[in-house]
PDB file of all heavy atoms in Angstrom:
ATOM      1  N   GLU A   1     129.075 103.010  98.555  1.00  0.00           N
ATOM      2  CA  GLU A   1     129.140 102.873  97.094  1.00  0.00           C
ATOM      3  C   GLU A   1     130.463 103.371  96.510  1.00  0.00           C
ATOM      4  O   GLU A   1     130.726 103.148  95.330  1.00  0.00           O
ATOM      5  CB  GLU A   1     127.979 103.641  96.447  1.00  0.00           C
ATOM      6  CG  GLU A   1     126.609 103.071  96.781  1.00  0.00           C
ATOM      7  CD  GLU A   1     125.492 103.808  96.071  1.00  0.00           C
ATOM      8  OE1 GLU A   1     125.744 104.360  94.977  1.00  0.00           O
ATOM      9  OE2 GLU A   1     124.360 103.844  96.605  1.00  0.00           O
ATOM     10  N   ARG A   2     131.253 104.055  97.321  1.00  0.00           N
ATOM     11  CA  ARG A   2     132.510 104.621  96.820  1.00  0.00           C
ATOM     12  C   ARG A   2     133.685 104.102  97.663  1.00  0.00           C
ATOM     13  O   ARG A   2     134.085 104.729  98.654  1.00  0.00           O
ATOM     14  CB  ARG A   2     132.471 106.152  96.884  1.00  0.00           C
ATOM     15  CG  ARG A   2     131.518 106.786  95.874  1.00  0.00           C
ATOM     16  CD  ARG A   2     131.561 108.308  95.983  1.00  0.00           C
ATOM     17  NE  ARG A   2     132.912 108.834  95.865  1.00  0.00           N
ATOM     18  CZ  ARG A   2     133.552 109.016  94.704  1.00  0.00           C
ATOM     19  NH1 ARG A   2     132.952 108.728  93.563  1.00  0.00           N
ATOM     20  NH2 ARG A   2     134.783 109.499  94.686  1.00  0.00           N
ATOM     21  N   PRO A   3     134.252 102.950  97.271  1.00  0.00           N
ATOM     22  CA  PRO A   3     135.354 102.366  98.044  1.00  0.00           C
ATOM     23  C   PRO A   3     136.588 103.258  98.104  1.00  0.00           C
ATOM     24  O   PRO A   3     137.422 103.106  98.995  1.00  0.00           O
ATOM     25  CB  PRO A   3     135.649 101.054  97.298  1.00  0.00           C
ATOM     26  CG  PRO A   3     135.095 101.261  95.920  1.00  0.00           C
ATOM     27  CD  PRO A   3     133.904 102.133  96.099  1.00  0.00           C
ATOM     28  N   GLU A   4     136.705 104.193  97.153  1.00  0.00           N
ATOM     29  CA  GLU A   4     137.864 105.089  97.173  1.00  0.00           C
ATOM     30  C   GLU A   4     137.821 106.062  98.344  1.00  0.00           C
ATOM     31  O   GLU A   4     138.835 106.655  98.704  1.00  0.00           O
ATOM     32  CB  GLU A   4     137.986 105.860  95.858  1.00  0.00           C
ATOM     33  CG  GLU A   4     136.754 106.662  95.465  1.00  0.00           C
ATOM     34  CD  GLU A   4     135.801 105.900  94.561  1.00  0.00           C
ATOM     35  OE1 GLU A   4     135.376 104.802  94.986  1.00  0.00           O
ATOM     36  OE2 GLU A   4     135.498 106.391  93.463  1.00  0.00           O
ATOM     37  N   ASN A   5     136.632 106.280  98.919  1.00  0.00           N
ATOM     38  CA  ASN A   5     136.516 107.079 100.137  1.00  0.00           C
ATOM     39  C   ASN A   5     136.561 106.120 101.329  1.00  0.00           C
ATOM     40  O   ASN A   5     135.642 105.356 101.564  1.00  0.00           O
ATOM     41  CB  ASN A   5     135.207 107.870 100.149  1.00  0.00           C
ATOM     42  CG  ASN A   5     135.156 108.918  99.062  1.00  0.00           C
ATOM     43  OD1 ASN A   5     134.403 108.795  98.090  1.00  0.00           O
ATOM     44  ND2 ASN A   5     135.961 109.947  99.185  1.00  0.00           N
ATOM     45  N   THR A   6     137.644 106.175 102.082  1.00  0.00           N
ATOM     46  CA  THR A   6     137.908 105.135 103.078  1.00  0.00           C
ATOM     47  C   THR A   6     137.307 105.407 104.449  1.00  0.00           C
ATOM     48  O   THR A   6     137.280 104.513 105.292  1.00  0.00           O
ATOM     49  CB  THR A   6     139.429 104.942 103.228  1.00  0.00           C
ATOM     50  OG1 THR A   6     140.031 106.199 103.586  1.00  0.00           O
ATOM     51  CG2 THR A   6     140.033 104.448 101.913  1.00  0.00           C
ATOM     52  N   SER A   7     136.841 106.627 104.697  1.00  0.00           N
ATOM     53  CA  SER A   7     136.273 106.916 106.009  1.00  0.00           C
ATOM     54  C   SER A   7     135.143 107.929 105.906  1.00  0.00           C
ATOM     55  O   SER A   7     135.099 108.736 104.977  1.00  0.00           O
ATOM     56  CB  SER A   7     137.349 107.454 106.958  1.00  0.00           C
ATOM     57  OG  SER A   7     137.755 108.762 106.575  1.00  0.00           O
ATOM     58  N   TYR A   8     134.243 107.880 106.887  1.00  0.00           N
ATOM     59  CA  TYR A   8     133.130 108.827 106.934  1.00  0.00           C
ATOM     60  C   TYR A   8     133.643 110.253 107.068  1.00  0.00           C
ATOM     61  O   TYR A   8     133.182 111.161 106.372  1.00  0.00           O
ATOM     62  CB  TYR A   8     132.212 108.474 108.107  1.00  0.00           C
ATOM     63  CG  TYR A   8     131.021 109.392 108.261  1.00  0.00           C
ATOM     64  CD1 TYR A   8     129.812 109.107 107.628  1.00  0.00           C
ATOM     65  CD2 TYR A   8     131.108 110.549 109.040  1.00  0.00           C
ATOM     66  CE1 TYR A   8     128.713 109.943 107.760  1.00  0.00           C
ATOM     67  CE2 TYR A   8     130.017 111.398 109.175  1.00  0.00           C
ATOM     68  CZ  TYR A   8     128.831 111.095 108.540  1.00  0.00           C
ATOM     69  OH  TYR A   8     127.754 111.935 108.671  1.00  0.00           O
ATOM     70  N   ALA A   9     134.609 110.453 107.977  1.00  0.00           N
ATOM     71  CA  ALA A   9     135.158 111.790 108.202  1.00  0.00           C
ATOM     72  C   ALA A   9     135.822 112.330 106.932  1.00  0.00           C
ATOM     73  O   ALA A   9     135.682 113.510 106.586  1.00  0.00           O
ATOM     74  CB  ALA A   9     136.159 111.764 109.354  1.00  0.00           C
ATOM     75  N   GLY A  10     136.543 111.462 106.235  1.00  0.00           N
ATOM     76  CA  GLY A  10     137.205 111.890 105.007  1.00  0.00           C
ATOM     77  C   GLY A  10     136.211 112.258 103.923  1.00  0.00           C
ATOM     78  O   GLY A  10     136.404 113.233 103.191  1.00  0.00           O
ATOM     79  N   LEU A  11     135.135 111.473 103.801  1.00  0.00           N
ATOM     80  CA  LEU A  11     134.098 111.759 102.811  1.00  0.00           C
ATOM     81  C   LEU A  11     133.387 113.061 103.144  1.00  0.00           C
ATOM     82  O   LEU A  11     133.121 113.880 102.245  1.00  0.00           O
ATOM     83  CB  LEU A  11     133.089 110.611 102.760  1.00  0.00           C
ATOM     84  CG  LEU A  11     131.884 110.812 101.839  1.00  0.00           C
ATOM     85  CD1 LEU A  11     132.326 111.004 100.394  1.00  0.00           C
ATOM     86  CD2 LEU A  11     130.913 109.626 101.954  1.00  0.00           C
ATOM     87  N   LYS A  12     133.085 113.273 104.423  1.00  0.00           N
ATOM     88  CA  LYS A  12     132.414 114.502 104.848  1.00  0.00           C
ATOM     89  C   LYS A  12     133.275 115.722 104.535  1.00  0.00           C
ATOM     90  O   LYS A  12     132.775 116.746 104.042  1.00  0.00           O
ATOM     91  CB  LYS A  12     132.118 114.438 106.338  1.00  0.00           C
ATOM     92  CG  LYS A  12     131.337 115.637 106.860  1.00  0.00           C
ATOM     93  CD  LYS A  12     131.000 115.464 108.333  1.00  0.00           C
ATOM     94  CE  LYS A  12     130.200 116.658 108.847  1.00  0.00           C
ATOM     95  NZ  LYS A  12     129.876 116.495 110.293  1.00  0.00           N
ATOM     96  N   SER A  13     134.586 115.602 104.810  1.00  0.00           N
ATOM     97  CA  SER A  13     135.504 116.703 104.513  1.00  0.00           C
ATOM     98  C   SER A  13     135.589 116.955 103.014  1.00  0.00           C
ATOM     99  O   SER A  13     135.590 118.100 102.554  1.00  0.00           O
ATOM    100  CB  SER A  13     136.892 116.375 105.068  1.00  0.00           C
ATOM    101  OG  SER A  13     137.832 117.355 104.691  1.00  0.00           O
ATOM    102  N   ARG A  14     135.633 115.877 102.230  1.00  0.00           N
ATOM    103  CA  ARG A  14     135.709 116.001 100.772  1.00  0.00           C
ATOM    104  C   ARG A  14     134.465 116.688 100.219  1.00  0.00           C
ATOM    105  O   ARG A  14     134.549 117.548  99.351  1.00  0.00           O
ATOM    106  CB  ARG A  14     135.868 114.613 100.148  1.00  0.00           C
ATOM    107  CG  ARG A  14     135.930 114.593  98.624  1.00  0.00           C
ATOM    108  CD  ARG A  14     137.119 115.348  98.097  1.00  0.00           C
ATOM    109  NE  ARG A  14     137.259 115.217  96.656  1.00  0.00           N
ATOM    110  CZ  ARG A  14     138.002 116.003  95.906  1.00  0.00           C
ATOM    111  NH1 ARG A  14     138.695 116.988  96.461  1.00  0.00           N
ATOM    112  NH2 ARG A  14     138.080 115.814  94.610  1.00  0.00           N
ATOM    113  N   LYS A  15     133.287 116.296 100.738  1.00  0.00           N
ATOM    114  CA  LYS A  15     132.040 116.914 100.280  1.00  0.00           C
ATOM    115  C   LYS A  15     132.040 118.414 100.572  1.00  0.00           C
ATOM    116  O   LYS A  15     131.641 119.223  99.732  1.00  0.00           O
ATOM    117  CB  LYS A  15     130.830 116.252 100.945  1.00  0.00           C
ATOM    118  CG  LYS A  15     129.489 116.841 100.478  1.00  0.00           C
ATOM    119  CD  LYS A  15     128.321 116.282 101.240  1.00  0.00           C
ATOM    120  CE  LYS A  15     128.230 116.865 102.627  1.00  0.00           C
ATOM    121  NZ  LYS A  15     127.836 118.313 102.617  1.00  0.00           N
ATOM    122  N   SER A  16     132.495 118.789 101.751  1.00  0.00           N
ATOM    123  CA  SER A  16     132.527 120.205 102.128  1.00  0.00           C
ATOM    124  C   SER A  16     133.470 120.989 101.217  1.00  0.00           C
ATOM    125  O   SER A  16     133.144 122.106 100.785  1.00  0.00           O
ATOM    126  CB  SER A  16     132.974 120.351 103.586  1.00  0.00           C
ATOM    127  OG  SER A  16     132.040 119.750 104.457  1.00  0.00           O
ATOM    128  N   LYS A  17     134.639 120.418 100.926  1.00  0.00           N
ATOM    129  CA  LYS A  17     135.597 121.095 100.046  1.00  0.00           C
ATOM    130  C   LYS A  17     135.039 121.213  98.627  1.00  0.00           C
ATOM    131  O   LYS A  17     135.226 122.238  97.963  1.00  0.00           O
ATOM    132  CB  LYS A  17     136.928 120.342 100.039  1.00  0.00           C
ATOM    133  CG  LYS A  17     137.693 120.451 101.347  1.00  0.00           C
ATOM    134  CD  LYS A  17     138.993 119.658 101.294  1.00  0.00           C
ATOM    135  CE  LYS A  17     139.755 119.773 102.610  1.00  0.00           C
ATOM    136  NZ  LYS A  17     141.001 118.967 102.586  1.00  0.00           N
ATOM    137  N   CYS A  18     134.361 120.163  98.174  1.00  0.00           N
ATOM    138  CA  CYS A  18     133.771 120.191  96.835  1.00  0.00           C
ATOM    139  C   CYS A  18     132.689 121.272  96.753  1.00  0.00           C
ATOM    140  O   CYS A  18     132.605 122.002  95.756  1.00  0.00           O
ATOM    141  CB  CYS A  18     133.165 118.832  96.485  1.00  0.00           C
ATOM    142  SG  CYS A  18     134.384 117.531  96.179  1.00  0.00           S
ATOM    143  N   MET A  19     131.868 121.385  97.794  1.00  0.00           N
ATOM    144  CA  MET A  19     130.814 122.391  97.798  1.00  0.00           C
ATOM    145  C   MET A  19     131.402 123.793  97.846  1.00  0.00           C
ATOM    146  O   MET A  19     130.912 124.706  97.171  1.00  0.00           O
ATOM    147  CB  MET A  19     129.872 122.158  98.977  1.00  0.00           C
ATOM    148  CG  MET A  19     128.730 123.169  99.071  1.00  0.00           C
ATOM    149  SD  MET A  19     127.774 123.343  97.520  1.00  0.00           S
ATOM    150  CE  MET A  19     127.028 121.724  97.428  1.00  0.00           C
ATOM    151  N   ALA A  20     132.464 123.976  98.628  1.00  0.00           N
ATOM    152  CA  ALA A  20     133.116 125.286  98.689  1.00  0.00           C
ATOM    153  C   ALA A  20     133.697 125.651  97.321  1.00  0.00           C
ATOM    154  O   ALA A  20     133.599 126.806  96.881  1.00  0.00           O
ATOM    155  CB  ALA A  20     134.221 125.275  99.744  1.00  0.00           C
ATOM    156  N   ASN A  21     134.260 124.663  96.635  1.00  0.00           N
ATOM    157  CA  ASN A  21     134.814 124.876  95.295  1.00  0.00           C
ATOM    158  C   ASN A  21     133.702 125.252  94.322  1.00  0.00           C
ATOM    159  O   ASN A  21     133.837 126.177  93.513  1.00  0.00           O
ATOM    160  CB  ASN A  21     135.522 123.603  94.833  1.00  0.00           C
ATOM    161  CG  ASN A  21     136.262 123.770  93.519  1.00  0.00           C
ATOM    162  OD1 ASN A  21     136.276 124.840  92.915  1.00  0.00           O
ATOM    163  ND2 ASN A  21     136.892 122.702  93.069  1.00  0.00           N
ATOM    164  N   LEU A  22     132.583 124.534  94.427  1.00  0.00           N
ATOM    165  CA  LEU A  22     131.448 124.812  93.549  1.00  0.00           C
ATOM    166  C   LEU A  22     130.904 126.213  93.779  1.00  0.00           C
ATOM    167  O   LEU A  22     130.635 126.960  92.827  1.00  0.00           O
ATOM    168  CB  LEU A  22     130.342 123.773  93.774  1.00  0.00           C
ATOM    169  CG  LEU A  22     129.051 123.963  92.960  1.00  0.00           C
ATOM    170  CD1 LEU A  22     129.331 123.913  91.474  1.00  0.00           C
ATOM    171  CD2 LEU A  22     128.020 122.901  93.358  1.00  0.00           C
ATOM    172  N   LYS A  23     130.723 126.599  95.044  1.00  0.00           N
ATOM    173  CA  LYS A  23     130.213 127.932  95.358  1.00  0.00           C
ATOM    174  C   LYS A  23     131.137 129.021  94.824  1.00  0.00           C
ATOM    175  O   LYS A  23     130.679 130.048  94.311  1.00  0.00           O
ATOM    176  CB  LYS A  23     130.040 128.077  96.870  1.00  0.00           C
ATOM    177  CG  LYS A  23     128.864 127.293  97.431  1.00  0.00           C
ATOM    178  CD  LYS A  23     128.738 127.491  98.934  1.00  0.00           C
ATOM    179  CE  LYS A  23     127.546 126.743  99.493  1.00  0.00           C
ATOM    180  NZ  LYS A  23     127.434 126.906 100.963  1.00  0.00           N
ATOM    181  N   LYS A  24     132.444 128.806  94.937  1.00  0.00           N
ATOM    182  CA  LYS A  24     133.417 129.774  94.423  1.00  0.00           C
ATOM    183  C   LYS A  24     133.269 129.931  92.916  1.00  0.00           C
ATOM    184  O   LYS A  24     133.245 131.046  92.391  1.00  0.00           O
ATOM    185  CB  LYS A  24     134.829 129.317  94.773  1.00  0.00           C
ATOM    186  CG  LYS A  24     135.941 130.258  94.308  1.00  0.00           C
ATOM    187  CD  LYS A  24     137.288 129.755  94.811  1.00  0.00           C
ATOM    188  CE  LYS A  24     138.413 130.698  94.400  1.00  0.00           C
ATOM    189  NZ  LYS A  24     138.654 130.668  92.941  1.00  0.00           N
TER     190      LYS A  24
END
Protein backbone atom coordinates (compact mmCIF):
# COMPACT_ATOMS: atom_id res chain seq x y z
CA GLU A 1 0.00 0.00 0.00
CA ARG A 2 3.01 2.31 0.31
CA PRO A 3 4.94 2.53 -2.98
CA GLU A 4 7.35 5.00 -1.38
CA ASN A 5 8.75 2.10 0.66
CA THR A 6 10.67 0.15 -1.96
CA SER A 7 11.76 -2.91 0.00
CA TYR A 8 10.66 -5.12 2.88
CA ALA A 9 13.99 -4.65 4.67
CA GLY A 10 13.77 -0.88 4.29
CA LEU A 11 10.20 -0.78 5.61
CA LYS A 12 11.12 -3.00 8.57
CA SER A 13 14.06 -0.73 9.41
CA ARG A 14 11.88 2.38 9.07
CA LYS A 15 9.23 0.91 11.39
CA SER A 16 11.86 0.11 14.02
CA LYS A 17 13.32 3.63 13.85
CA CYS A 18 9.84 5.16 14.07
CA MET A 19 9.01 3.06 17.14
CA ALA A 20 12.31 3.98 18.80
CA ASN A 21 11.54 7.66 18.11
CA LEU A 22 8.05 7.25 19.54
CA LYS A 23 9.31 5.52 22.69
CA LYS A 24 11.87 8.30 23.22
